[in-house]
Every structure is written in C-alpha cells, then in structure tokens.
Amino acid sequence: IAVVDLHKLLNESRLRQEINQNMEKEAEKKTEE
C-alpha cells in the first residue's frame, strides 16, 4: 500500500501551472475587452 498527497498533485503539477497560465492570459484579454 502507498499514499499520495492528492491536493499537492492537483495543484502543483506542471500541467496545472500551464492551465493556470493559459487561463490568466485569457482572463487578461477578456478584461481588456
């Protein structure tokens, strides 16, 4: 049996950071509009 910190995996992975960056760019564009 093993365990994982699911919160850390969901929030600190590279994939999550990339998604956050893309959504922030999109939010900035919408804010300008």
PDB file of all heavy atoms in Angstrom:
ATOM      1  N   ILE A   1       0.840  -1.190   0.000  1.00  0.00           N
ATOM      2  CA  ILE A   1       0.000   0.000   0.000  1.00  0.00           C
ATOM      3  C   ILE A   1       0.878   1.244   0.000  1.00  0.00           C
ATOM      4  O   ILE A   1       1.894   1.308   0.695  1.00  0.00           O
ATOM      5  CB  ILE A   1      -0.930   0.014   1.227  1.00  0.00           C
ATOM      6  CG1 ILE A   1      -1.824  -1.240   1.220  1.00  0.00           C
ATOM      7  CG2 ILE A   1      -1.787   1.277   1.253  1.00  0.00           C
ATOM      8  CD1 ILE A   1      -2.699  -1.360   2.445  1.00  0.00           C
ATOM      9  N   ALA A   2       0.469   2.242  -0.775  1.00  0.00           N
ATOM     10  CA  ALA A   2       1.157   3.526  -0.817  1.00  0.00           C
ATOM     11  C   ALA A   2       0.132   4.651  -0.638  1.00  0.00           C
ATOM     12  O   ALA A   2      -1.077   4.424  -0.722  1.00  0.00           O
ATOM     13  CB  ALA A   2       1.901   3.697  -2.140  1.00  0.00           C
ATOM     14  N   VAL A   3       0.630   5.851  -0.386  1.00  0.00           N
ATOM     15  CA  VAL A   3      -0.250   7.013  -0.246  1.00  0.00           C
ATOM     16  C   VAL A   3       0.301   8.155  -1.089  1.00  0.00           C
ATOM     17  O   VAL A   3       1.497   8.214  -1.407  1.00  0.00           O
ATOM     18  CB  VAL A   3      -0.367   7.471   1.226  1.00  0.00           C
ATOM     19  CG1 VAL A   3      -0.995   6.382   2.078  1.00  0.00           C
ATOM     20  CG2 VAL A   3       0.980   7.894   1.776  1.00  0.00           C
ATOM     21  N   VAL A   4      -0.592   9.089  -1.473  1.00  0.00           N
ATOM     22  CA  VAL A   4      -0.185  10.285  -2.209  1.00  0.00           C
ATOM     23  C   VAL A   4      -0.917  11.494  -1.628  1.00  0.00           C
ATOM     24  O   VAL A   4      -2.040  11.384  -1.131  1.00  0.00           O
ATOM     25  CB  VAL A   4      -0.499  10.177  -3.717  1.00  0.00           C
ATOM     26  CG1 VAL A   4       0.356   9.122  -4.387  1.00  0.00           C
ATOM     27  CG2 VAL A   4      -1.976   9.914  -3.957  1.00  0.00           C
ATOM     28  N   ASP A   5      -0.250  12.632  -1.710  1.00  0.00           N
ATOM     29  CA  ASP A   5      -0.863  13.908  -1.325  1.00  0.00           C
ATOM     30  C   ASP A   5      -1.627  14.411  -2.554  1.00  0.00           C
ATOM     31  O   ASP A   5      -1.054  15.068  -3.431  1.00  0.00           O
ATOM     32  CB  ASP A   5       0.218  14.902  -0.897  1.00  0.00           C
ATOM     33  CG  ASP A   5      -0.371  16.207  -0.389  1.00  0.00           C
ATOM     34  OD1 ASP A   5      -1.572  16.449  -0.603  1.00  0.00           O
ATOM     35  OD2 ASP A   5       0.380  16.995   0.221  1.00  0.00           O
ATOM     36  N   LEU A   6      -2.911  14.109  -2.621  1.00  0.00           N
ATOM     37  CA  LEU A   6      -3.708  14.442  -3.802  1.00  0.00           C
ATOM     38  C   LEU A   6      -3.798  15.950  -4.007  1.00  0.00           C
ATOM     39  O   LEU A   6      -3.763  16.434  -5.152  1.00  0.00           O
ATOM     40  CB  LEU A   6      -5.105  13.830  -3.672  1.00  0.00           C
ATOM     41  CG  LEU A   6      -6.035  14.008  -4.885  1.00  0.00           C
ATOM     42  CD1 LEU A   6      -5.425  13.395  -6.124  1.00  0.00           C
ATOM     43  CD2 LEU A   6      -7.399  13.400  -4.603  1.00  0.00           C
ATOM     44  N   HIS A   7      -3.917  16.690  -2.925  1.00  0.00           N
ATOM     45  CA  HIS A   7      -4.001  18.149  -3.037  1.00  0.00           C
ATOM     46  C   HIS A   7      -2.755  18.714  -3.732  1.00  0.00           C
ATOM     47  O   HIS A   7      -2.853  19.590  -4.607  1.00  0.00           O
ATOM     48  CB  HIS A   7      -4.168  18.767  -1.651  1.00  0.00           C
ATOM     49  CG  HIS A   7      -4.365  20.249  -1.662  1.00  0.00           C
ATOM     50  ND1 HIS A   7      -3.310  21.133  -1.691  1.00  0.00           N
ATOM     51  CD2 HIS A   7      -5.497  21.015  -1.663  1.00  0.00           C
ATOM     52  CE1 HIS A   7      -3.774  22.373  -1.698  1.00  0.00           C
ATOM     53  NE2 HIS A   7      -5.090  22.328  -1.680  1.00  0.00           N
ATOM     54  N   LYS A   8      -1.601  18.212  -3.358  1.00  0.00           N
ATOM     55  CA  LYS A   8      -0.350  18.677  -3.958  1.00  0.00           C
ATOM     56  C   LYS A   8      -0.277  18.303  -5.432  1.00  0.00           C
ATOM     57  O   LYS A   8       0.104  19.132  -6.274  1.00  0.00           O
ATOM     58  CB  LYS A   8       0.840  18.083  -3.205  1.00  0.00           C
ATOM     59  CG  LYS A   8       2.191  18.530  -3.749  1.00  0.00           C
ATOM     60  CD  LYS A   8       3.330  17.970  -2.904  1.00  0.00           C
ATOM     61  CE  LYS A   8       4.678  18.439  -3.425  1.00  0.00           C
ATOM     62  NZ  LYS A   8       5.801  17.925  -2.586  1.00  0.00           N
ATOM     63  N   LEU A   9      -0.657  17.086  -5.757  1.00  0.00           N
ATOM     64  CA  LEU A   9      -0.603  16.640  -7.147  1.00  0.00           C
ATOM     65  C   LEU A   9      -1.552  17.440  -8.042  1.00  0.00           C
ATOM     66  O   LEU A   9      -1.226  17.752  -9.186  1.00  0.00           O
ATOM     67  CB  LEU A   9      -0.943  15.148  -7.233  1.00  0.00           C
ATOM     68  CG  LEU A   9       0.048  14.190  -6.571  1.00  0.00           C
ATOM     69  CD1 LEU A   9      -0.466  12.760  -6.639  1.00  0.00           C
ATOM     70  CD2 LEU A   9       1.426  14.293  -7.209  1.00  0.00           C
ATOM     71  N   LEU A  10      -2.715  17.776  -7.521  1.00  0.00           N
ATOM     72  CA  LEU A  10      -3.697  18.512  -8.312  1.00  0.00           C
ATOM     73  C   LEU A  10      -3.302  19.972  -8.516  1.00  0.00           C
ATOM     74  O   LEU A  10      -3.611  20.560  -9.560  1.00  0.00           O
ATOM     75  CB  LEU A  10      -5.073  18.455  -7.642  1.00  0.00           C
ATOM     76  CG  LEU A  10      -5.792  17.106  -7.654  1.00  0.00           C
ATOM     77  CD1 LEU A  10      -7.092  17.196  -6.865  1.00  0.00           C
ATOM     78  CD2 LEU A  10      -6.077  16.649  -9.085  1.00  0.00           C
ATOM     79  N   ASN A  11      -2.617  20.557  -7.537  1.00  0.00           N
ATOM     80  CA  ASN A  11      -2.385  21.989  -7.578  1.00  0.00           C
ATOM     81  C   ASN A  11      -0.962  22.406  -7.941  1.00  0.00           C
ATOM     82  O   ASN A  11      -0.749  23.558  -8.317  1.00  0.00           O
ATOM     83  CB  ASN A  11      -2.734  22.604  -6.217  1.00  0.00           C
ATOM     84  CG  ASN A  11      -4.222  22.561  -5.941  1.00  0.00           C
ATOM     85  OD1 ASN A  11      -4.977  23.375  -6.458  1.00  0.00           O
ATOM     86  ND2 ASN A  11      -4.661  21.615  -5.128  1.00  0.00           N
ATOM     87  N   GLU A  12       0.003  21.496  -7.832  1.00  0.00           N
ATOM     88  CA  GLU A  12       1.385  21.892  -8.057  1.00  0.00           C
ATOM     89  C   GLU A  12       2.025  21.218  -9.264  1.00  0.00           C
ATOM     90  O   GLU A  12       3.217  21.445  -9.528  1.00  0.00           O
ATOM     91  CB  GLU A  12       2.214  21.602  -6.797  1.00  0.00           C
ATOM     92  CG  GLU A  12       1.744  22.360  -5.570  1.00  0.00           C
ATOM     93  CD  GLU A  12       2.592  22.085  -4.344  1.00  0.00           C
ATOM     94  OE1 GLU A  12       3.724  21.573  -4.517  1.00  0.00           O
ATOM     95  OE2 GLU A  12       2.141  22.360  -3.217  1.00  0.00           O
ATOM     96  N   SER A  13       1.277  20.431  -9.990  1.00  0.00           N
ATOM     97  CA  SER A  13       1.852  19.767 -11.164  1.00  0.00           C
ATOM     98  C   SER A  13       2.100  20.784 -12.274  1.00  0.00           C
ATOM     99  O   SER A  13       1.494  21.862 -12.315  1.00  0.00           O
ATOM    100  CB  SER A  13       0.913  18.673 -11.671  1.00  0.00           C
ATOM    101  OG  SER A  13      -0.290  19.240 -12.159  1.00  0.00           O
ATOM    102  N   ARG A  14       2.991  20.449 -13.182  1.00  0.00           N
ATOM    103  CA  ARG A  14       3.312  21.332 -14.301  1.00  0.00           C
ATOM    104  C   ARG A  14       2.083  21.551 -15.184  1.00  0.00           C
ATOM    105  O   ARG A  14       1.856  22.664 -15.682  1.00  0.00           O
ATOM    106  CB  ARG A  14       4.449  20.731 -15.126  1.00  0.00           C
ATOM    107  CG  ARG A  14       4.940  21.617 -16.271  1.00  0.00           C
ATOM    108  CD  ARG A  14       6.075  20.937 -17.005  1.00  0.00           C
ATOM    109  NE  ARG A  14       7.179  20.660 -16.101  1.00  0.00           N
ATOM    110  CZ  ARG A  14       8.166  19.815 -16.372  1.00  0.00           C
ATOM    111  NH1 ARG A  14       8.144  19.127 -17.509  1.00  0.00           N
ATOM    112  NH2 ARG A  14       9.154  19.625 -15.516  1.00  0.00           N
ATOM    113  N   LEU A  15       1.287  20.505 -15.355  1.00  0.00           N
ATOM    114  CA  LEU A  15       0.078  20.628 -16.159  1.00  0.00           C
ATOM    115  C   LEU A  15      -0.863  21.663 -15.566  1.00  0.00           C
ATOM    116  O   LEU A  15      -1.428  22.498 -16.291  1.00  0.00           O
ATOM    117  CB  LEU A  15      -0.627  19.272 -16.259  1.00  0.00           C
ATOM    118  CG  LEU A  15      -1.984  19.258 -16.987  1.00  0.00           C
ATOM    119  CD1 LEU A  15      -1.818  19.717 -18.427  1.00  0.00           C
ATOM    120  CD2 LEU A  15      -2.598  17.857 -16.937  1.00  0.00           C
ATOM    121  N   ARG A  16      -1.036  21.631 -14.246  1.00  0.00           N
ATOM    122  CA  ARG A  16      -1.924  22.606 -13.599  1.00  0.00           C
ATOM    123  C   ARG A  16      -1.387  24.016 -13.758  1.00  0.00           C
ATOM    124  O   ARG A  16      -2.148  24.966 -14.010  1.00  0.00           O
ATOM    125  CB  ARG A  16      -2.073  22.255 -12.120  1.00  0.00           C
ATOM    126  CG  ARG A  16      -2.882  23.268 -11.313  1.00  0.00           C
ATOM    127  CD  ARG A  16      -4.305  23.386 -11.830  1.00  0.00           C
ATOM    128  NE  ARG A  16      -5.039  24.425 -11.130  1.00  0.00           N
ATOM    129  CZ  ARG A  16      -5.721  24.219  -9.994  1.00  0.00           C
ATOM    130  NH1 ARG A  16      -5.748  23.011  -9.454  1.00  0.00           N
ATOM    131  NH2 ARG A  16      -6.374  25.203  -9.433  1.00  0.00           N
ATOM    132  N   GLN A  17      -0.069  24.197 -13.634  1.00  0.00           N
ATOM    133  CA  GLN A  17       0.520  25.518 -13.789  1.00  0.00           C
ATOM    134  C   GLN A  17       0.327  26.043 -15.208  1.00  0.00           C
ATOM    135  O   GLN A  17       0.043  27.236 -15.406  1.00  0.00           O
ATOM    136  CB  GLN A  17       2.014  25.467 -13.432  1.00  0.00           C
ATOM    137  CG  GLN A  17       2.314  24.993 -12.019  1.00  0.00           C
ATOM    138  CD  GLN A  17       1.563  25.770 -10.958  1.00  0.00           C
ATOM    139  OE1 GLN A  17       1.462  26.989 -11.022  1.00  0.00           O
ATOM    140  NE2 GLN A  17       1.023  25.073  -9.969  1.00  0.00           N
ATOM    141  N   GLU A  18       0.460  25.167 -16.199  1.00  0.00           N
ATOM    142  CA  GLU A  18       0.254  25.583 -17.590  1.00  0.00           C
ATOM    143  C   GLU A  18      -1.193  25.995 -17.829  1.00  0.00           C
ATOM    144  O   GLU A  18      -1.454  26.993 -18.516  1.00  0.00           O
ATOM    145  CB  GLU A  18       0.647  24.437 -18.532  1.00  0.00           C
ATOM    146  CG  GLU A  18       2.141  24.143 -18.558  1.00  0.00           C
ATOM    147  CD  GLU A  18       2.471  22.913 -19.389  1.00  0.00           C
ATOM    148  OE1 GLU A  18       1.516  22.244 -19.853  1.00  0.00           O
ATOM    149  OE2 GLU A  18       3.661  22.622 -19.574  1.00  0.00           O
ATOM    150  N   ILE A  19      -2.121  25.238 -17.273  1.00  0.00           N
ATOM    151  CA  ILE A  19      -3.539  25.578 -17.416  1.00  0.00           C
ATOM    152  C   ILE A  19      -3.818  26.923 -16.755  1.00  0.00           C
ATOM    153  O   ILE A  19      -4.531  27.777 -17.310  1.00  0.00           O
ATOM    154  CB  ILE A  19      -4.417  24.472 -16.809  1.00  0.00           C
ATOM    155  CG1 ILE A  19      -4.341  23.210 -17.673  1.00  0.00           C
ATOM    156  CG2 ILE A  19      -5.866  24.932 -16.676  1.00  0.00           C
ATOM    157  CD1 ILE A  19      -5.098  22.030 -17.108  1.00  0.00           C
ATOM    158  N   ASN A  20      -3.249  27.138 -15.572  1.00  0.00           N
ATOM    159  CA  ASN A  20      -3.446  28.411 -14.873  1.00  0.00           C
ATOM    160  C   ASN A  20      -2.919  29.585 -15.695  1.00  0.00           C
ATOM    161  O   ASN A  20      -3.571  30.629 -15.799  1.00  0.00           O
ATOM    162  CB  ASN A  20      -2.756  28.380 -13.512  1.00  0.00           C
ATOM    163  CG  ASN A  20      -3.503  27.531 -12.503  1.00  0.00           C
ATOM    164  OD1 ASN A  20      -4.625  27.111 -12.737  1.00  0.00           O
ATOM    165  ND2 ASN A  20      -2.876  27.269 -11.370  1.00  0.00           N
ATOM    166  N   GLN A  21      -1.743  29.414 -16.287  1.00  0.00           N
ATOM    167  CA  GLN A  21      -1.149  30.487 -17.078  1.00  0.00           C
ATOM    168  C   GLN A  21      -2.010  30.811 -18.295  1.00  0.00           C
ATOM    169  O   GLN A  21      -2.231  31.989 -18.613  1.00  0.00           O
ATOM    170  CB  GLN A  21       0.265  30.098 -17.503  1.00  0.00           C
ATOM    171  CG  GLN A  21       1.267  30.034 -16.356  1.00  0.00           C
ATOM    172  CD  GLN A  21       2.613  29.495 -16.788  1.00  0.00           C
ATOM    173  OE1 GLN A  21       2.836  29.216 -17.967  1.00  0.00           O
ATOM    174  NE2 GLN A  21       3.529  29.362 -15.835  1.00  0.00           N
ATOM    175  N   ASN A  22      -2.516  29.780 -18.956  1.00  0.00           N
ATOM    176  CA  ASN A  22      -3.360  29.997 -20.135  1.00  0.00           C
ATOM    177  C   ASN A  22      -4.661  30.703 -19.761  1.00  0.00           C
ATOM    178  O   ASN A  22      -5.128  31.607 -20.479  1.00  0.00           O
ATOM    179  CB  ASN A  22      -3.671  28.660 -20.814  1.00  0.00           C
ATOM    180  CG  ASN A  22      -2.451  28.031 -21.461  1.00  0.00           C
ATOM    181  OD1 ASN A  22      -1.498  28.733 -21.811  1.00  0.00           O
ATOM    182  ND2 ASN A  22      -2.462  26.725 -21.617  1.00  0.00           N
ATOM    183  N   MET A  23      -5.236  30.307 -18.629  1.00  0.00           N
ATOM    184  CA  MET A  23      -6.484  30.922 -18.208  1.00  0.00           C
ATOM    185  C   MET A  23      -6.259  32.357 -17.746  1.00  0.00           C
ATOM    186  O   MET A  23      -7.127  33.224 -17.942  1.00  0.00           O
ATOM    187  CB  MET A  23      -7.137  30.093 -17.099  1.00  0.00           C
ATOM    188  CG  MET A  23      -7.553  28.704 -17.553  1.00  0.00           C
ATOM    189  SD  MET A  23      -8.618  27.840 -16.377  1.00  0.00           S
ATOM    190  CE  MET A  23     -10.140  28.769 -16.560  1.00  0.00           C
ATOM    191  N   GLU A  24      -5.113  32.647 -17.153  1.00  0.00           N
ATOM    192  CA  GLU A  24      -4.809  34.013 -16.742  1.00  0.00           C
ATOM    193  C   GLU A  24      -4.648  34.918 -17.965  1.00  0.00           C
ATOM    194  O   GLU A  24      -5.123  36.063 -17.969  1.00  0.00           O
ATOM    195  CB  GLU A  24      -3.537  34.032 -15.902  1.00  0.00           C
ATOM    196  CG  GLU A  24      -3.726  33.485 -14.488  1.00  0.00           C
ATOM    197  CD  GLU A  24      -2.429  33.412 -13.714  1.00  0.00           C
ATOM    198  OE1 GLU A  24      -1.378  33.803 -14.291  1.00  0.00           O
ATOM    199  OE2 GLU A  24      -2.448  32.971 -12.549  1.00  0.00           O
ATOM    200  N   LYS A  25      -3.991  34.413 -19.012  1.00  0.00           N
ATOM    201  CA  LYS A  25      -3.846  35.194 -20.246  1.00  0.00           C
ATOM    202  C   LYS A  25      -5.212  35.464 -20.873  1.00  0.00           C
ATOM    203  O   LYS A  25      -5.483  36.577 -21.345  1.00  0.00           O
ATOM    204  CB  LYS A  25      -2.948  34.443 -21.235  1.00  0.00           C
ATOM    205  CG  LYS A  25      -1.494  34.358 -20.821  1.00  0.00           C
ATOM    206  CD  LYS A  25      -0.685  33.577 -21.838  1.00  0.00           C
ATOM    207  CE  LYS A  25       0.778  33.460 -21.422  1.00  0.00           C
ATOM    208  NZ  LYS A  25       1.572  32.647 -22.392  1.00  0.00           N
ATOM    209  N   GLU A  26      -6.060  34.456 -20.875  1.00  0.00           N
ATOM    210  CA  GLU A  26      -7.391  34.626 -21.435  1.00  0.00           C
ATOM    211  C   GLU A  26      -8.206  35.614 -20.607  1.00  0.00           C
ATOM    212  O   GLU A  26      -8.943  36.440 -21.155  1.00  0.00           O
ATOM    213  CB  GLU A  26      -8.107  33.267 -21.489  1.00  0.00           C
ATOM    214  CG  GLU A  26      -9.433  33.308 -22.216  1.00  0.00           C
ATOM    215  CD  GLU A  26     -10.048  31.930 -22.368  1.00  0.00           C
ATOM    216  OE1 GLU A  26      -9.375  30.946 -22.011  1.00  0.00           O
ATOM    217  OE2 GLU A  26     -11.196  31.854 -22.833  1.00  0.00           O
ATOM    218  N   ALA A  27      -8.042  35.553 -19.279  1.00  0.00           N
ATOM    219  CA  ALA A  27      -8.762  36.479 -18.405  1.00  0.00           C
ATOM    220  C   ALA A  27      -8.301  37.920 -18.638  1.00  0.00           C
ATOM    221  O   ALA A  27      -9.118  38.851 -18.632  1.00  0.00           O
ATOM    222  CB  ALA A  27      -8.557  36.086 -16.945  1.00  0.00           C
ATOM    223  N   GLU A  28      -6.999  38.121 -18.860  1.00  0.00           N
ATOM    224  CA  GLU A  28      -6.480  39.457 -19.138  1.00  0.00           C
ATOM    225  C   GLU A  28      -7.065  40.009 -20.437  1.00  0.00           C
ATOM    226  O   GLU A  28      -7.426  41.186 -20.511  1.00  0.00           O
ATOM    227  CB  GLU A  28      -4.951  39.410 -19.222  1.00  0.00           C
ATOM    228  CG  GLU A  28      -4.264  39.151 -17.889  1.00  0.00           C
ATOM    229  CD  GLU A  28      -2.767  39.025 -18.031  1.00  0.00           C
ATOM    230  OE1 GLU A  28      -2.269  39.126 -19.191  1.00  0.00           O
ATOM    231  OE2 GLU A  28      -2.080  38.825 -17.009  1.00  0.00           O
ATOM    232  N   LYS A  29      -7.173  39.131 -21.441  1.00  0.00           N
ATOM    233  CA  LYS A  29      -7.743  39.556 -22.718  1.00  0.00           C
ATOM    234  C   LYS A  29      -9.203  39.956 -22.557  1.00  0.00           C
ATOM    235  O   LYS A  29      -9.642  40.990 -23.081  1.00  0.00           O
ATOM    236  CB  LYS A  29      -7.612  38.418 -23.734  1.00  0.00           C
ATOM    237  CG  LYS A  29      -8.154  38.754 -25.107  1.00  0.00           C
ATOM    238  CD  LYS A  29      -7.980  37.590 -26.066  1.00  0.00           C
ATOM    239  CE  LYS A  29      -8.559  37.915 -27.428  1.00  0.00           C
ATOM    240  NZ  LYS A  29      -8.435  36.759 -28.376  1.00  0.00           N
ATOM    241  N   LYS A  30      -9.966  39.157 -21.804  1.00  0.00           N
ATOM    242  CA  LYS A  30     -11.376  39.464 -21.584  1.00  0.00           C
ATOM    243  C   LYS A  30     -11.530  40.747 -20.769  1.00  0.00           C
ATOM    244  O   LYS A  30     -12.449  41.542 -21.014  1.00  0.00           O
ATOM    245  CB  LYS A  30     -12.064  38.307 -20.876  1.00  0.00           C
ATOM    246  CG  LYS A  30     -12.127  37.017 -21.682  1.00  0.00           C
ATOM    247  CD  LYS A  30     -12.919  37.209 -22.953  1.00  0.00           C
ATOM    248  CE  LYS A  30     -12.969  35.914 -23.755  1.00  0.00           C
ATOM    249  NZ  LYS A  30     -13.703  36.108 -25.046  1.00  0.00           N
ATOM    250  N   THR A  31     -10.630  40.962 -19.818  1.00  0.00           N
ATOM    251  CA  THR A  31     -10.684  42.178 -19.011  1.00  0.00           C
ATOM    252  C   THR A  31     -10.477  43.407 -19.879  1.00  0.00           C
ATOM    253  O   THR A  31     -11.159  44.433 -19.715  1.00  0.00           O
ATOM    254  CB  THR A  31      -9.623  42.130 -17.904  1.00  0.00           C
ATOM    255  OG1 THR A  31      -9.870  41.010 -17.057  1.00  0.00           O
ATOM    256  CG2 THR A  31      -9.655  43.400 -17.064  1.00  0.00           C
ATOM    257  N   GLU A  32      -9.543  43.322 -20.810  1.00  0.00           N
ATOM    258  CA  GLU A  32      -9.312  44.439 -21.727  1.00  0.00           C
ATOM    259  C   GLU A  32     -10.554  44.722 -22.558  1.00  0.00           C
ATOM    260  O   GLU A  32     -10.897  45.893 -22.799  1.00  0.00           O
ATOM    261  CB  GLU A  32      -8.122  44.122 -22.635  1.00  0.00           C
ATOM    262  CG  GLU A  32      -6.782  44.085 -21.907  1.00  0.00           C
ATOM    263  CD  GLU A  32      -5.640  43.692 -22.829  1.00  0.00           C
ATOM    264  OE1 GLU A  32      -5.919  43.418 -24.024  1.00  0.00           O
ATOM    265  OE2 GLU A  32      -4.490  43.652 -22.363  1.00  0.00           O
ATOM    266  N   GLU A  33     -11.237  43.653 -23.008  1.00  0.00           N
ATOM    267  CA  GLU A  33     -12.452  43.836 -23.800  1.00  0.00           C
ATOM    268  C   GLU A  33     -13.543  44.522 -22.982  1.00  0.00           C
ATOM    269  O   GLU A  33     -14.218  45.440 -23.473  1.00  0.00           O
ATOM    270  CB  GLU A  33     -12.947  42.483 -24.317  1.00  0.00           C
ATOM    271  CG  GLU A  33     -12.011  41.829 -25.322  1.00  0.00           C
ATOM    272  CD  GLU A  33     -12.499  40.463 -25.763  1.00  0.00           C
ATOM    273  OE1 GLU A  33     -13.622  40.074 -25.350  1.00  0.00           O
ATOM    274  OE2 GLU A  33     -11.785  39.787 -26.518  1.00  0.00           O
TER     275      GLU A  33
END
